[in-house]
Amino acid sequence: MQVTVTDAAEQHRYEGRVDGALAAIAEYIRTPELVVFTHTEVLAGHEGRGVASQLVRHALDDVRAQHLKVLPLCPFVAGWMARHPDSQDLEYRSRTTLTDATA
């Protein structure tokens, strides 16, 4: 099954379509340096067919092409990234470090 993925930026989500019909979405918040994935949902009738996995893979490829990082607040995206080591370089890491408060 082929999933066509597009960035519906005006709706702040990636959309996965099967045979032209909306099958899944991955909602996000974009900042200048990262994309925060907040929610992924598969529409009724498309569950259990790997649509969300294909959607997330394509969305992360798009984020990579834009040289951005990913903050996966959505449990599905976080789990997908944990299972796919080739995506883990995309995960946002804070550059802030704590200093010794007693100094």
Protein backbone atom coordinates (compact mmCIF):
# COMPACT_ATOMS: atom_id res chain seq x y z
CA MET A 1 0.00 0.00 0.00
CA GLN A 2 1.36 3.39 -1.01
CA VAL A 3 0.85 6.34 1.36
CA THR A 4 1.22 9.82 -0.13
CA VAL A 5 2.45 12.28 2.48
CA THR A 6 2.16 16.05 2.23
CA ASP A 7 2.89 18.89 4.62
CA ALA A 8 -0.38 20.77 5.15
CA ALA A 9 1.48 23.68 6.74
CA GLU A 10 -1.59 25.90 7.02
CA GLN A 11 -3.16 23.21 9.24
CA HIS A 12 0.11 22.46 11.08
CA ARG A 13 0.11 18.79 10.18
CA TYR A 14 1.46 16.20 7.82
CA GLU A 15 -1.25 14.26 6.03
CA GLY A 16 -1.07 10.68 4.82
CA ARG A 17 -3.41 9.73 2.00
CA VAL A 18 -4.26 6.32 0.57
CA ASP A 19 -5.82 6.36 -2.90
CA GLY A 20 -6.42 10.10 -2.44
CA ALA A 21 -8.38 9.70 0.80
CA LEU A 22 -7.09 11.16 4.06
CA ALA A 23 -5.92 8.22 6.18
CA ALA A 24 -3.70 9.71 8.92
CA ILE A 25 -2.36 12.96 10.33
CA ALA A 26 0.68 13.98 12.36
CA GLU A 27 0.14 17.38 13.99
CA TYR A 28 3.06 19.64 14.78
CA ILE A 29 4.25 23.01 16.00
CA ARG A 30 7.15 24.44 13.99
CA THR A 31 9.79 26.77 15.42
CA PRO A 32 12.84 28.21 13.63
CA GLU A 33 15.00 25.29 14.80
CA LEU A 34 12.69 22.35 15.43
CA VAL A 35 9.39 20.61 14.80
CA VAL A 36 7.38 19.53 17.84
CA PHE A 37 5.16 16.56 16.99
CA THR A 38 2.13 16.72 19.28
CA HIS A 39 -0.36 14.15 17.99
CA THR A 40 -0.66 11.37 15.42
CA GLU A 41 -3.97 9.84 14.45
CA VAL A 42 -5.08 7.19 11.96
CA LEU A 43 -8.61 7.60 10.65
CA ALA A 44 -11.17 4.82 10.92
CA GLY A 45 -10.75 2.09 8.35
CA HIS A 46 -7.00 2.59 8.01
CA GLU A 47 -5.80 1.24 11.37
CA GLY A 48 -3.29 -1.60 11.51
CA ARG A 49 -2.03 -1.14 7.95
CA GLY A 50 1.18 0.76 8.66
CA VAL A 51 -0.17 4.11 7.52
CA ALA A 52 1.08 6.01 10.58
CA SER A 53 4.55 4.48 10.27
CA GLN A 54 4.83 5.56 6.64
CA LEU A 55 3.49 9.00 7.53
CA VAL A 56 6.05 9.48 10.30
CA ARG A 57 8.96 8.22 8.17
CA HIS A 58 8.10 10.70 5.40
CA ALA A 59 7.50 13.55 7.86
CA LEU A 60 10.88 12.95 9.52
CA ASP A 61 12.58 12.80 6.12
CA ASP A 62 11.05 16.19 5.36
CA VAL A 63 12.23 17.61 8.69
CA ARG A 64 15.74 16.28 7.97
CA ALA A 65 15.74 17.92 4.53
CA GLN A 66 14.96 21.24 6.23
CA HIS A 67 17.90 20.78 8.64
CA LEU A 68 15.59 20.96 11.67
CA LYS A 69 15.39 18.86 14.83
CA VAL A 70 12.40 16.97 16.26
CA LEU A 71 10.85 17.15 19.72
CA PRO A 72 8.53 14.11 19.80
CA LEU A 73 5.84 14.88 22.40
CA CYS A 74 3.50 12.50 20.59
CA PRO A 75 3.97 8.99 22.04
CA PHE A 76 3.66 7.38 18.61
CA VAL A 77 6.40 9.54 17.07
CA ALA A 78 8.62 9.08 20.15
CA GLY A 79 8.19 5.30 20.01
CA TRP A 80 8.79 5.20 16.27
CA MET A 81 12.02 7.17 16.65
CA ALA A 82 13.16 4.89 19.50
CA ARG A 83 12.68 1.85 17.24
CA HIS A 84 14.50 3.42 14.27
CA PRO A 85 18.08 4.35 15.16
CA ASP A 86 18.55 6.11 11.81
CA SER A 87 16.12 8.80 13.00
CA GLN A 88 17.59 9.43 16.43
CA ASP A 89 20.00 12.10 15.20
CA LEU A 90 16.92 14.26 14.57
CA GLU A 91 15.87 14.31 18.23
CA TYR A 92 16.20 17.75 19.79
CA ARG A 93 18.63 18.04 22.67
CA SER A 94 18.85 21.19 24.74
CA ARG A 95 22.15 23.03 24.50
CA THR A 96 21.60 24.53 27.96
CA THR A 97 23.76 23.12 30.75
CA LEU A 98 23.45 23.59 34.45
CA THR A 99 26.24 25.35 36.29
CA ASP A 100 27.29 24.84 39.87
CA ALA A 101 24.84 26.94 41.88
CA THR A 102 27.29 27.21 44.77
CA ALA A 103 30.03 28.85 42.73
